PDB file of all heavy atoms in Angstrom:
ATOM      1  N   SER A   1     -59.321  15.743  -3.120  1.00  0.00           N
ATOM      2  CA  SER A   1     -59.443  14.325  -3.469  1.00  0.00           C
ATOM      3  C   SER A   1     -58.059  13.673  -3.523  1.00  0.00           C
ATOM      4  O   SER A   1     -57.167  14.159  -4.230  1.00  0.00           O
ATOM      5  CB  SER A   1     -60.137  14.180  -4.825  1.00  0.00           C
ATOM      6  OG  SER A   1     -59.899  12.919  -5.406  1.00  0.00           O
ATOM      7  N   THR A   2     -57.893  12.580  -2.811  1.00  0.00           N
ATOM      8  CA  THR A   2     -56.623  11.852  -2.850  1.00  0.00           C
ATOM      9  C   THR A   2     -56.305  11.405  -4.266  1.00  0.00           C
ATOM     10  O   THR A   2     -55.159  11.521  -4.730  1.00  0.00           O
ATOM     11  CB  THR A   2     -56.681  10.628  -1.922  1.00  0.00           C
ATOM     12  OG1 THR A   2     -56.914  11.062  -0.582  1.00  0.00           O
ATOM     13  CG2 THR A   2     -55.379   9.832  -1.981  1.00  0.00           C
ATOM     14  N   GLU A   3     -57.299  10.912  -4.971  1.00  0.00           N
ATOM     15  CA  GLU A   3     -57.085  10.434  -6.336  1.00  0.00           C
ATOM     16  C   GLU A   3     -56.633  11.563  -7.244  1.00  0.00           C
ATOM     17  O   GLU A   3     -55.688  11.407  -8.035  1.00  0.00           O
ATOM     18  CB  GLU A   3     -58.373   9.807  -6.864  1.00  0.00           C
ATOM     19  CG  GLU A   3     -58.247   9.252  -8.280  1.00  0.00           C
ATOM     20  CD  GLU A   3     -59.532   8.619  -8.775  1.00  0.00           C
ATOM     21  OE1 GLU A   3     -60.469   8.447  -7.959  1.00  0.00           O
ATOM     22  OE2 GLU A   3     -59.607   8.308  -9.977  1.00  0.00           O
ATOM     23  N   ASP A   4     -57.264  12.722  -7.149  1.00  0.00           N
ATOM     24  CA  ASP A   4     -56.897  13.844  -8.010  1.00  0.00           C
ATOM     25  C   ASP A   4     -55.525  14.398  -7.641  1.00  0.00           C
ATOM     26  O   ASP A   4     -54.750  14.802  -8.524  1.00  0.00           O
ATOM     27  CB  ASP A   4     -57.950  14.942  -7.923  1.00  0.00           C
ATOM     28  CG  ASP A   4     -59.184  14.638  -8.773  1.00  0.00           C
ATOM     29  OD1 ASP A   4     -59.239  13.530  -9.349  1.00  0.00           O
ATOM     30  OD2 ASP A   4     -60.087  15.489  -8.859  1.00  0.00           O
ATOM     31  N   ARG A   5     -55.205  14.444  -6.352  1.00  0.00           N
ATOM     32  CA  ARG A   5     -53.877  14.907  -5.949  1.00  0.00           C
ATOM     33  C   ARG A   5     -52.796  13.986  -6.481  1.00  0.00           C
ATOM     34  O   ARG A   5     -51.742  14.445  -6.948  1.00  0.00           O
ATOM     35  CB  ARG A   5     -53.775  14.994  -4.417  1.00  0.00           C
ATOM     36  CG  ARG A   5     -54.527  16.136  -3.792  1.00  0.00           C
ATOM     37  CD  ARG A   5     -54.082  16.354  -2.356  1.00  0.00           C
ATOM     38  NE  ARG A   5     -54.202  15.168  -1.525  1.00  0.00           N
ATOM     39  CZ  ARG A   5     -55.255  14.867  -0.781  1.00  0.00           C
ATOM     40  NH1 ARG A   5     -56.313  15.678  -0.770  1.00  0.00           N
ATOM     41  NH2 ARG A   5     -55.276  13.773  -0.039  1.00  0.00           N
ATOM     42  N   THR A   6     -53.050  12.688  -6.425  1.00  0.00           N
ATOM     43  CA  THR A   6     -52.073  11.721  -6.933  1.00  0.00           C
ATOM     44  C   THR A   6     -51.917  11.865  -8.441  1.00  0.00           C
ATOM     45  O   THR A   6     -50.787  11.852  -8.966  1.00  0.00           O
ATOM     46  CB  THR A   6     -52.509  10.292  -6.572  1.00  0.00           C
ATOM     47  OG1 THR A   6     -52.607  10.171  -5.153  1.00  0.00           O
ATOM     48  CG2 THR A   6     -51.507   9.279  -7.102  1.00  0.00           C
ATOM     49  N   ARG A   7     -53.023  12.018  -9.136  1.00  0.00           N
ATOM     50  CA  ARG A   7     -52.983  12.191 -10.592  1.00  0.00           C
ATOM     51  C   ARG A   7     -52.201  13.440 -10.967  1.00  0.00           C
ATOM     52  O   ARG A   7     -51.338  13.411 -11.856  1.00  0.00           O
ATOM     53  CB  ARG A   7     -54.414  12.269 -11.130  1.00  0.00           C
ATOM     54  CG  ARG A   7     -54.502  12.505 -12.630  1.00  0.00           C
ATOM     55  CD  ARG A   7     -55.972  12.604 -13.039  1.00  0.00           C
ATOM     56  NE  ARG A   7     -56.114  12.969 -14.446  1.00  0.00           N
ATOM     57  CZ  ARG A   7     -57.285  13.195 -15.035  1.00  0.00           C
ATOM     58  NH1 ARG A   7     -58.414  13.067 -14.335  1.00  0.00           N
ATOM     59  NH2 ARG A   7     -57.339  13.533 -16.303  1.00  0.00           N
ATOM     60  N   PHE A   8     -52.480  14.533 -10.278  1.00  0.00           N
ATOM     61  CA  PHE A   8     -51.777  15.778 -10.576  1.00  0.00           C
ATOM     62  C   PHE A   8     -50.296  15.671 -10.217  1.00  0.00           C
ATOM     63  O   PHE A   8     -49.437  16.170 -10.959  1.00  0.00           O
ATOM     64  CB  PHE A   8     -52.410  16.944  -9.813  1.00  0.00           C
ATOM     65  CG  PHE A   8     -51.674  18.237 -10.018  1.00  0.00           C
ATOM     66  CD1 PHE A   8     -51.826  18.952 -11.190  1.00  0.00           C
ATOM     67  CD2 PHE A   8     -50.813  18.724  -9.047  1.00  0.00           C
ATOM     68  CE1 PHE A   8     -51.137  20.134 -11.400  1.00  0.00           C
ATOM     69  CE2 PHE A   8     -50.111  19.906  -9.241  1.00  0.00           C
ATOM     70  CZ  PHE A   8     -50.273  20.619 -10.421  1.00  0.00           C
ATOM     71  N   GLY A   9     -49.988  15.025  -9.106  1.00  0.00           N
ATOM     72  CA  GLY A   9     -48.591  14.854  -8.722  1.00  0.00           C
ATOM     73  C   GLY A   9     -47.812  14.084  -9.768  1.00  0.00           C
ATOM     74  O   GLY A   9     -46.653  14.409 -10.065  1.00  0.00           O
ATOM     75  N   ALA A  10     -48.438  13.047 -10.341  1.00  0.00           N
ATOM     76  CA  ALA A  10     -47.778  12.272 -11.397  1.00  0.00           C
ATOM     77  C   ALA A  10     -47.533  13.145 -12.622  1.00  0.00           C
ATOM     78  O   ALA A  10     -46.481  13.056 -13.264  1.00  0.00           O
ATOM     79  CB  ALA A  10     -48.626  11.059 -11.760  1.00  0.00           C
ATOM     80  N   GLU A  11     -48.498  14.003 -12.954  1.00  0.00           N
ATOM     81  CA  GLU A  11     -48.323  14.898 -14.101  1.00  0.00           C
ATOM     82  C   GLU A  11     -47.209  15.912 -13.831  1.00  0.00           C
ATOM     83  O   GLU A  11     -46.391  16.207 -14.712  1.00  0.00           O
ATOM     84  CB  GLU A  11     -49.641  15.619 -14.394  1.00  0.00           C
ATOM     85  CG  GLU A  11     -50.737  14.690 -14.901  1.00  0.00           C
ATOM     86  CD  GLU A  11     -52.080  15.400 -15.034  1.00  0.00           C
ATOM     87  OE1 GLU A  11     -52.152  16.594 -14.676  1.00  0.00           O
ATOM     88  OE2 GLU A  11     -53.044  14.756 -15.485  1.00  0.00           O
ATOM     89  N   ALA A  12     -47.166  16.438 -12.608  1.00  0.00           N
ATOM     90  CA  ALA A  12     -46.125  17.410 -12.255  1.00  0.00           C
ATOM     91  C   ALA A  12     -44.743  16.773 -12.321  1.00  0.00           C
ATOM     92  O   ALA A  12     -43.771  17.398 -12.779  1.00  0.00           O
ATOM     93  CB  ALA A  12     -46.387  17.973 -10.858  1.00  0.00           C
ATOM     94  N   LEU A  13     -44.647  15.535 -11.879  1.00  0.00           N
ATOM     95  CA  LEU A  13     -43.356  14.848 -11.918  1.00  0.00           C
ATOM     96  C   LEU A  13     -42.939  14.560 -13.357  1.00  0.00           C
ATOM     97  O   LEU A  13     -41.758  14.698 -13.712  1.00  0.00           O
ATOM     98  CB  LEU A  13     -43.433  13.549 -11.108  1.00  0.00           C
ATOM     99  CG  LEU A  13     -42.118  12.808 -10.900  1.00  0.00           C
ATOM    100  CD1 LEU A  13     -41.096  13.674 -10.173  1.00  0.00           C
ATOM    101  CD2 LEU A  13     -42.347  11.507 -10.123  1.00  0.00           C
ATOM    102  N   GLU A  14     -43.892  14.181 -14.199  1.00  0.00           N
ATOM    103  CA  GLU A  14     -43.572  13.939 -15.605  1.00  0.00           C
ATOM    104  C   GLU A  14     -43.096  15.234 -16.274  1.00  0.00           C
ATOM    105  O   GLU A  14     -42.146  15.225 -17.074  1.00  0.00           O
ATOM    106  CB  GLU A  14     -44.806  13.385 -16.328  1.00  0.00           C
ATOM    107  CG  GLU A  14     -44.596  13.078 -17.803  1.00  0.00           C
ATOM    108  CD  GLU A  14     -43.681  11.894 -18.051  1.00  0.00           C
ATOM    109  OE1 GLU A  14     -43.419  11.128 -17.097  1.00  0.00           O
ATOM    110  OE2 GLU A  14     -43.223  11.734 -19.204  1.00  0.00           O
ATOM    111  N   ILE A  15     -43.739  16.351 -15.951  1.00  0.00           N
ATOM    112  CA  ILE A  15     -43.310  17.640 -16.497  1.00  0.00           C
ATOM    113  C   ILE A  15     -41.902  17.966 -16.034  1.00  0.00           C
ATOM    114  O   ILE A  15     -41.080  18.485 -16.803  1.00  0.00           O
ATOM    115  CB  ILE A  15     -44.309  18.746 -16.096  1.00  0.00           C
ATOM    116  CG1 ILE A  15     -45.639  18.532 -16.822  1.00  0.00           C
ATOM    117  CG2 ILE A  15     -43.742  20.132 -16.397  1.00  0.00           C
ATOM    118  CD1 ILE A  15     -46.763  19.426 -16.322  1.00  0.00           C
ATOM    119  N   PHE A  16     -41.584  17.662 -14.774  1.00  0.00           N
ATOM    120  CA  PHE A  16     -40.231  17.863 -14.244  1.00  0.00           C
ATOM    121  C   PHE A  16     -39.208  17.108 -15.089  1.00  0.00           C
ATOM    122  O   PHE A  16     -38.206  17.682 -15.535  1.00  0.00           O
ATOM    123  CB  PHE A  16     -40.192  17.398 -12.789  1.00  0.00           C
ATOM    124  CG  PHE A  16     -38.830  17.072 -12.261  1.00  0.00           C
ATOM    125  CD1 PHE A  16     -37.981  18.069 -11.799  1.00  0.00           C
ATOM    126  CD2 PHE A  16     -38.383  15.751 -12.213  1.00  0.00           C
ATOM    127  CE1 PHE A  16     -36.717  17.763 -11.306  1.00  0.00           C
ATOM    128  CE2 PHE A  16     -37.132  15.440 -11.718  1.00  0.00           C
ATOM    129  CZ  PHE A  16     -36.295  16.444 -11.264  1.00  0.00           C
ATOM    130  N   TYR A  17     -39.449  15.834 -15.324  1.00  0.00           N
ATOM    131  CA  TYR A  17     -38.510  15.039 -16.116  1.00  0.00           C
ATOM    132  C   TYR A  17     -38.390  15.587 -17.539  1.00  0.00           C
ATOM    133  O   TYR A  17     -37.275  15.698 -18.082  1.00  0.00           O
ATOM    134  CB  TYR A  17     -38.958  13.578 -16.165  1.00  0.00           C
ATOM    135  CG  TYR A  17     -38.581  12.772 -14.956  1.00  0.00           C
ATOM    136  CD1 TYR A  17     -39.523  12.425 -13.997  1.00  0.00           C
ATOM    137  CD2 TYR A  17     -37.273  12.338 -14.766  1.00  0.00           C
ATOM    138  CE1 TYR A  17     -39.175  11.675 -12.880  1.00  0.00           C
ATOM    139  CE2 TYR A  17     -36.915  11.587 -13.652  1.00  0.00           C
ATOM    140  CZ  TYR A  17     -37.874  11.259 -12.713  1.00  0.00           C
ATOM    141  OH  TYR A  17     -37.526  10.519 -11.611  1.00  0.00           O
ATOM    142  N   ARG A  18     -39.507  15.916 -18.143  1.00  0.00           N
ATOM    143  CA  ARG A  18     -39.482  16.377 -19.523  1.00  0.00           C
ATOM    144  C   ARG A  18     -38.756  17.713 -19.653  1.00  0.00           C
ATOM    145  O   ARG A  18     -37.916  17.884 -20.553  1.00  0.00           O
ATOM    146  CB  ARG A  18     -40.911  16.497 -20.059  1.00  0.00           C
ATOM    147  CG  ARG A  18     -40.951  16.843 -21.551  1.00  0.00           C
ATOM    148  CD  ARG A  18     -42.356  16.795 -22.104  1.00  0.00           C
ATOM    149  NE  ARG A  18     -43.224  17.836 -21.562  1.00  0.00           N
ATOM    150  CZ  ARG A  18     -44.281  17.608 -20.796  1.00  0.00           C
ATOM    151  NH1 ARG A  18     -44.618  16.369 -20.466  1.00  0.00           N
ATOM    152  NH2 ARG A  18     -45.019  18.609 -20.346  1.00  0.00           N
ATOM    153  N   ARG A  19     -39.036  18.627 -18.766  1.00  0.00           N
ATOM    154  CA  ARG A  19     -38.417  19.949 -18.884  1.00  0.00           C
ATOM    155  C   ARG A  19     -36.915  19.896 -18.609  1.00  0.00           C
ATOM    156  O   ARG A  19     -36.129  20.556 -19.300  1.00  0.00           O
ATOM    157  CB  ARG A  19     -39.102  20.934 -17.933  1.00  0.00           C
ATOM    158  CG  ARG A  19     -40.498  21.349 -18.414  1.00  0.00           C
ATOM    159  CD  ARG A  19     -40.949  22.628 -17.764  1.00  0.00           C
ATOM    160  NE  ARG A  19     -39.999  23.712 -17.965  1.00  0.00           N
ATOM    161  CZ  ARG A  19     -40.039  24.860 -17.283  1.00  0.00           C
ATOM    162  NH1 ARG A  19     -40.987  25.063 -16.375  1.00  0.00           N
ATOM    163  NH2 ARG A  19     -39.138  25.806 -17.509  1.00  0.00           N
ATOM    164  N   LEU A  20     -36.501  19.127 -17.607  1.00  0.00           N
ATOM    165  CA  LEU A  20     -35.069  19.029 -17.333  1.00  0.00           C
ATOM    166  C   LEU A  20     -34.348  18.343 -18.483  1.00  0.00           C
ATOM    167  O   LEU A  20     -33.251  18.749 -18.880  1.00  0.00           O
ATOM    168  CB  LEU A  20     -34.821  18.295 -16.015  1.00  0.00           C
ATOM    169  CG  LEU A  20     -34.662  19.200 -14.782  1.00  0.00           C
ATOM    170  CD1 LEU A  20     -35.963  19.952 -14.483  1.00  0.00           C
ATOM    171  CD2 LEU A  20     -34.239  18.401 -13.559  1.00  0.00           C
ATOM    172  N   THR A  21     -34.962  17.297 -19.017  1.00  0.00           N
ATOM    173  CA  THR A  21     -34.348  16.601 -20.155  1.00  0.00           C
ATOM    174  C   THR A  21     -34.245  17.534 -21.359  1.00  0.00           C
ATOM    175  O   THR A  21     -33.200  17.595 -22.024  1.00  0.00           O
ATOM    176  CB  THR A  21     -35.169  15.355 -20.515  1.00  0.00           C
ATOM    177  OG1 THR A  21     -35.190  14.462 -19.391  1.00  0.00           O
ATOM    178  CG2 THR A  21     -34.555  14.626 -21.699  1.00  0.00           C
ATOM    179  N   ASP A  22     -35.304  18.285 -21.636  1.00  0.00           N
ATOM    180  CA  ASP A  22     -35.275  19.212 -22.767  1.00  0.00           C
ATOM    181  C   ASP A  22     -34.209  20.287 -22.553  1.00  0.00           C
ATOM    182  O   ASP A  22     -33.530  20.701 -23.509  1.00  0.00           O
ATOM    183  CB  ASP A  22     -36.638  19.865 -22.943  1.00  0.00           C
ATOM    184  CG  ASP A  22     -37.694  18.903 -23.468  1.00  0.00           C
ATOM    185  OD1 ASP A  22     -37.323  17.806 -23.930  1.00  0.00           O
ATOM    186  OD2 ASP A  22     -38.895  19.244 -23.395  1.00  0.00           O
ATOM    187  N   THR A  23     -34.049  20.730 -21.322  1.00  0.00           N
ATOM    188  CA  THR A  23     -33.041  21.746 -21.021  1.00  0.00           C
ATOM    189  C   THR A  23     -31.643  21.224 -21.314  1.00  0.00           C
ATOM    190  O   THR A  23     -30.817  21.914 -21.930  1.00  0.00           O
ATOM    191  CB  THR A  23     -33.146  22.181 -19.552  1.00  0.00           C
ATOM    192  OG1 THR A  23     -34.437  22.750 -19.307  1.00  0.00           O
ATOM    193  CG2 THR A  23     -32.076  23.206 -19.202  1.00  0.00           C
ATOM    194  N   VAL A  24     -31.370  20.010 -20.882  1.00  0.00           N
ATOM    195  CA  VAL A  24     -30.047  19.426 -21.119  1.00  0.00           C
ATOM    196  C   VAL A  24     -29.838  19.156 -22.601  1.00  0.00           C
ATOM    197  O   VAL A  24     -28.791  19.496 -23.176  1.00  0.00           O
ATOM    198  CB  VAL A  24     -29.869  18.135 -20.291  1.00  0.00           C
ATOM    199  CG1 VAL A  24     -28.562  17.434 -20.662  1.00  0.00           C
ATOM    200  CG2 VAL A  24     -29.895  18.452 -18.801  1.00  0.00           C
ATOM    201  N   ARG A  25     -30.820  18.552 -23.251  1.00  0.00           N
ATOM    202  CA  ARG A  25     -30.656  18.179 -24.652  1.00  0.00           C
ATOM    203  C   ARG A  25     -30.515  19.410 -25.566  1.00  0.00           C
ATOM    204  O   ARG A  25     -29.856  19.350 -26.606  1.00  0.00           O
ATOM    205  CB  ARG A  25     -31.839  17.327 -25.112  1.00  0.00           C
ATOM    206  CG  ARG A  25     -31.953  15.997 -24.367  1.00  0.00           C
ATOM    207  CD  ARG A  25     -30.853  15.048 -24.749  1.00  0.00           C
ATOM    208  NE  ARG A  25     -30.897  13.828 -23.938  1.00  0.00           N
ATOM    209  CZ  ARG A  25     -30.036  13.527 -22.983  1.00  0.00           C
ATOM    210  NH1 ARG A  25     -29.048  14.368 -22.706  1.00  0.00           N
ATOM    211  NH2 ARG A  25     -30.137  12.413 -22.295  1.00  0.00           N
ATOM    212  N   ALA A  26     -31.153  20.525 -25.187  1.00  0.00           N
ATOM    213  CA  ALA A  26     -31.059  21.729 -26.009  1.00  0.00           C
ATOM    214  C   ALA A  26     -29.633  22.259 -26.049  1.00  0.00           C
ATOM    215  O   ALA A  26     -29.166  22.753 -27.083  1.00  0.00           O
ATOM    216  CB  ALA A  26     -32.005  22.802 -25.470  1.00  0.00           C
ATOM    217  N   ARG A  27     -28.929  22.166 -24.945  1.00  0.00           N
ATOM    218  CA  ARG A  27     -27.553  22.663 -24.880  1.00  0.00           C
ATOM    219  C   ARG A  27     -26.532  21.594 -25.267  1.00  0.00           C
ATOM    220  O   ARG A  27     -25.502  21.900 -25.871  1.00  0.00           O
ATOM    221  CB  ARG A  27     -27.245  23.131 -23.454  1.00  0.00           C
ATOM    222  CG  ARG A  27     -27.869  24.431 -23.054  1.00  0.00           C
ATOM    223  CD  ARG A  27     -26.968  25.588 -23.390  1.00  0.00           C
ATOM    224  NE  ARG A  27     -27.512  26.856 -22.891  1.00  0.00           N
ATOM    225  CZ  ARG A  27     -27.025  28.031 -23.200  1.00  0.00           C
ATOM    226  NH1 ARG A  27     -25.989  28.113 -24.021  1.00  0.00           N
ATOM    227  NH2 ARG A  27     -27.569  29.125 -22.724  1.00  0.00           N
ATOM    228  N   ALA A  28     -26.806  20.366 -24.857  1.00  0.00           N
ATOM    229  CA  ALA A  28     -25.797  19.308 -25.024  1.00  0.00           C
ATOM    230  C   ALA A  28     -26.496  18.000 -25.368  1.00  0.00           C
ATOM    231  O   ALA A  28     -26.728  17.165 -24.488  1.00  0.00           O
ATOM    232  CB  ALA A  28     -24.976  19.166 -23.745  1.00  0.00           C
ATOM    233  N   PRO A  29     -26.855  17.798 -26.641  1.00  0.00           N
ATOM    234  CA  PRO A  29     -27.657  16.622 -27.023  1.00  0.00           C
ATOM    235  C   PRO A  29     -27.055  15.285 -26.622  1.00  0.00           C
ATOM    236  O   PRO A  29     -27.789  14.350 -26.313  1.00  0.00           O
ATOM    237  CB  PRO A  29     -27.752  16.755 -28.550  1.00  0.00           C
ATOM    238  CG  PRO A  29     -27.537  18.198 -28.819  1.00  0.00           C
ATOM    239  CD  PRO A  29     -26.584  18.684 -27.779  1.00  0.00           C
ATOM    240  N   GLY A  30     -25.734  15.160 -26.613  1.00  0.00           N
ATOM    241  CA  GLY A  30     -25.138  13.862 -26.331  1.00  0.00           C
ATOM    242  C   GLY A  30     -24.664  13.680 -24.912  1.00  0.00           C
ATOM    243  O   GLY A  30     -24.066  12.652 -24.580  1.00  0.00           O
ATOM    244  N   LYS A  31     -24.929  14.634 -24.046  1.00  0.00           N
ATOM    245  CA  LYS A  31     -24.396  14.572 -22.682  1.00  0.00           C
ATOM    246  C   LYS A  31     -25.166  13.563 -21.840  1.00  0.00           C
ATOM    247  O   LYS A  31     -26.388  13.448 -21.942  1.00  0.00           O
ATOM    248  CB  LYS A  31     -24.451  15.959 -22.035  1.00  0.00           C
ATOM    249  CG  LYS A  31     -23.525  16.105 -20.820  1.00  0.00           C
ATOM    250  CD  LYS A  31     -23.492  17.543 -20.333  1.00  0.00           C
ATOM    251  CE  LYS A  31     -22.785  18.477 -21.292  1.00  0.00           C
ATOM    252  NZ  LYS A  31     -21.331  18.223 -21.355  1.00  0.00           N
ATOM    253  N   SER A  32     -24.448  12.824 -21.006  1.00  0.00           N
ATOM    254  CA  SER A  32     -25.104  11.841 -20.151  1.00  0.00           C
ATOM    255  C   SER A  32     -25.987  12.546 -19.132  1.00  0.00           C
ATOM    256  O   SER A  32     -25.688  13.656 -18.675  1.00  0.00           O
ATOM    257  CB  SER A  32     -24.063  10.969 -19.439  1.00  0.00           C
ATOM    258  OG  SER A  32     -23.318  11.718 -18.500  1.00  0.00           O
ATOM    259  N   LEU A  33     -27.102  11.892 -18.766  1.00  0.00           N
ATOM    260  CA  LEU A  33     -28.084  12.474 -17.865  1.00  0.00           C
ATOM    261  C   LEU A  33     -28.670  11.377 -16.997  1.00  0.00           C
ATOM    262  O   LEU A  33     -29.143  10.357 -17.498  1.00  0.00           O
ATOM    263  CB  LEU A  33     -29.194  13.171 -18.668  1.00  0.00           C
ATOM    264  CG  LEU A  33     -30.374  13.740 -17.876  1.00  0.00           C
ATOM    265  CD1 LEU A  33     -29.917  14.811 -16.901  1.00  0.00           C
ATOM    266  CD2 LEU A  33     -31.434  14.289 -18.831  1.00  0.00           C
ATOM    267  N   PHE A  34     -28.639  11.608 -15.686  1.00  0.00           N
ATOM    268  CA  PHE A  34     -29.202  10.631 -14.758  1.00  0.00           C
ATOM    269  C   PHE A  34     -30.019  11.348 -13.697  1.00  0.00           C
ATOM    270  O   PHE A  34     -29.623  12.397 -13.183  1.00  0.00           O
ATOM    271  CB  PHE A  34     -28.094   9.808 -14.086  1.00  0.00           C
ATOM    272  CG  PHE A  34     -28.608   8.890 -13.002  1.00  0.00           C
ATOM    273  CD1 PHE A  34     -29.399   7.806 -13.328  1.00  0.00           C
ATOM    274  CD2 PHE A  34     -28.337   9.132 -11.667  1.00  0.00           C
ATOM    275  CE1 PHE A  34     -29.906   6.971 -12.334  1.00  0.00           C
ATOM    276  CE2 PHE A  34     -28.824   8.307 -10.671  1.00  0.00           C
ATOM    277  CZ  PHE A  34     -29.617   7.218 -11.003  1.00  0.00           C
ATOM    278  N   PHE A  35     -31.181  10.770 -13.370  1.00  0.00           N
ATOM    279  CA  PHE A  35     -32.064  11.274 -12.322  1.00  0.00           C
ATOM    280  C   PHE A  35     -32.053  10.274 -11.163  1.00  0.00           C
ATOM    281  O   PHE A  35     -32.386   9.098 -11.364  1.00  0.00           O
ATOM    282  CB  PHE A  35     -33.494  11.430 -12.841  1.00  0.00           C
ATOM    283  CG  PHE A  35     -33.658  12.431 -13.947  1.00  0.00           C
ATOM    284  CD1 PHE A  35     -33.543  12.048 -15.277  1.00  0.00           C
ATOM    285  CD2 PHE A  35     -33.931  13.758 -13.664  1.00  0.00           C
ATOM    286  CE1 PHE A  35     -33.709  12.969 -16.301  1.00  0.00           C
ATOM    287  CE2 PHE A  35     -34.094  14.689 -14.683  1.00  0.00           C
ATOM    288  CZ  PHE A  35     -33.985  14.296 -16.007  1.00  0.00           C
ATOM    289  N   ASN A  36     -31.727  10.722  -9.968  1.00  0.00           N
ATOM    290  CA  ASN A  36     -31.590   9.804  -8.840  1.00  0.00           C
ATOM    291  C   ASN A  36     -32.759   9.934  -7.860  1.00  0.00           C
ATOM    292  O   ASN A  36     -33.125  11.045  -7.460  1.00  0.00           O
ATOM    293  CB  ASN A  36     -30.283  10.068  -8.085  1.00  0.00           C
ATOM    294  CG  ASN A  36     -30.038   9.026  -7.003  1.00  0.00           C
ATOM    295  OD1 ASN A  36     -30.160   7.829  -7.252  1.00  0.00           O
ATOM    296  ND2 ASN A  36     -29.708   9.472  -5.801  1.00  0.00           N
ATOM    297  N   SER A  37     -33.308   8.769  -7.490  1.00  0.00           N
ATOM    298  CA  SER A  37     -34.364   8.720  -6.466  1.00  0.00           C
ATOM    299  C   SER A  37     -34.050   7.713  -5.376  1.00  0.00           C
ATOM    300  O   SER A  37     -34.923   7.394  -4.572  1.00  0.00           O
ATOM    301  CB  SER A  37     -35.715   8.377  -7.107  1.00  0.00           C
ATOM    302  OG  SER A  37     -36.076   9.328  -8.081  1.00  0.00           O
ATOM    303  N   GLY A  38     -32.844   7.165  -5.375  1.00  0.00           N
ATOM    304  CA  GLY A  38     -32.449   6.230  -4.319  1.00  0.00           C
ATOM    305  C   GLY A  38     -32.789   4.785  -4.591  1.00  0.00           C
ATOM    306  O   GLY A  38     -32.332   3.892  -3.876  1.00  0.00           O
ATOM    307  N   HIS A  39     -33.596   4.532  -5.627  1.00  0.00           N
ATOM    308  CA  HIS A  39     -33.976   3.160  -5.983  1.00  0.00           C
ATOM    309  C   HIS A  39     -34.562   3.195  -7.380  1.00  0.00           C
ATOM    310  O   HIS A  39     -35.315   4.116  -7.720  1.00  0.00           O
ATOM    311  CB  HIS A  39     -35.008   2.617  -4.984  1.00  0.00           C
ATOM    312  CG  HIS A  39     -35.608   1.289  -5.383  1.00  0.00           C
ATOM    313  ND1 HIS A  39     -34.906   0.104  -5.310  1.00  0.00           N
ATOM    314  CD2 HIS A  39     -36.840   0.958  -5.846  1.00  0.00           C
ATOM    315  CE1 HIS A  39     -35.685  -0.887  -5.710  1.00  0.00           C
ATOM    316  NE2 HIS A  39     -36.853  -0.401  -6.041  1.00  0.00           N
ATOM    317  N   ILE A  40     -34.207   2.233  -8.212  1.00  0.00           N
ATOM    318  CA  ILE A  40     -34.775   2.124  -9.558  1.00  0.00           C
ATOM    319  C   ILE A  40     -36.036   1.272  -9.465  1.00  0.00           C
ATOM    320  O   ILE A  40     -35.980   0.080  -9.157  1.00  0.00           O
ATOM    321  CB  ILE A  40     -33.767   1.500 -10.539  1.00  0.00           C
ATOM    322  CG1 ILE A  40     -32.482   2.330 -10.574  1.00  0.00           C
ATOM    323  CG2 ILE A  40     -34.389   1.381 -11.920  1.00  0.00           C
ATOM    324  CD1 ILE A  40     -32.668   3.759 -11.005  1.00  0.00           C
TER     325      ILE A  40
END
């Protein structure tokens, strides 16, 4: 299903952001962090 694939992809991307952020914050809470996608 296109709808289900899109829904799951959004969840996977959110998990990506959360896990990377948690990884950085666990070691360096105040360190700057930026995620690049070529356009905001």
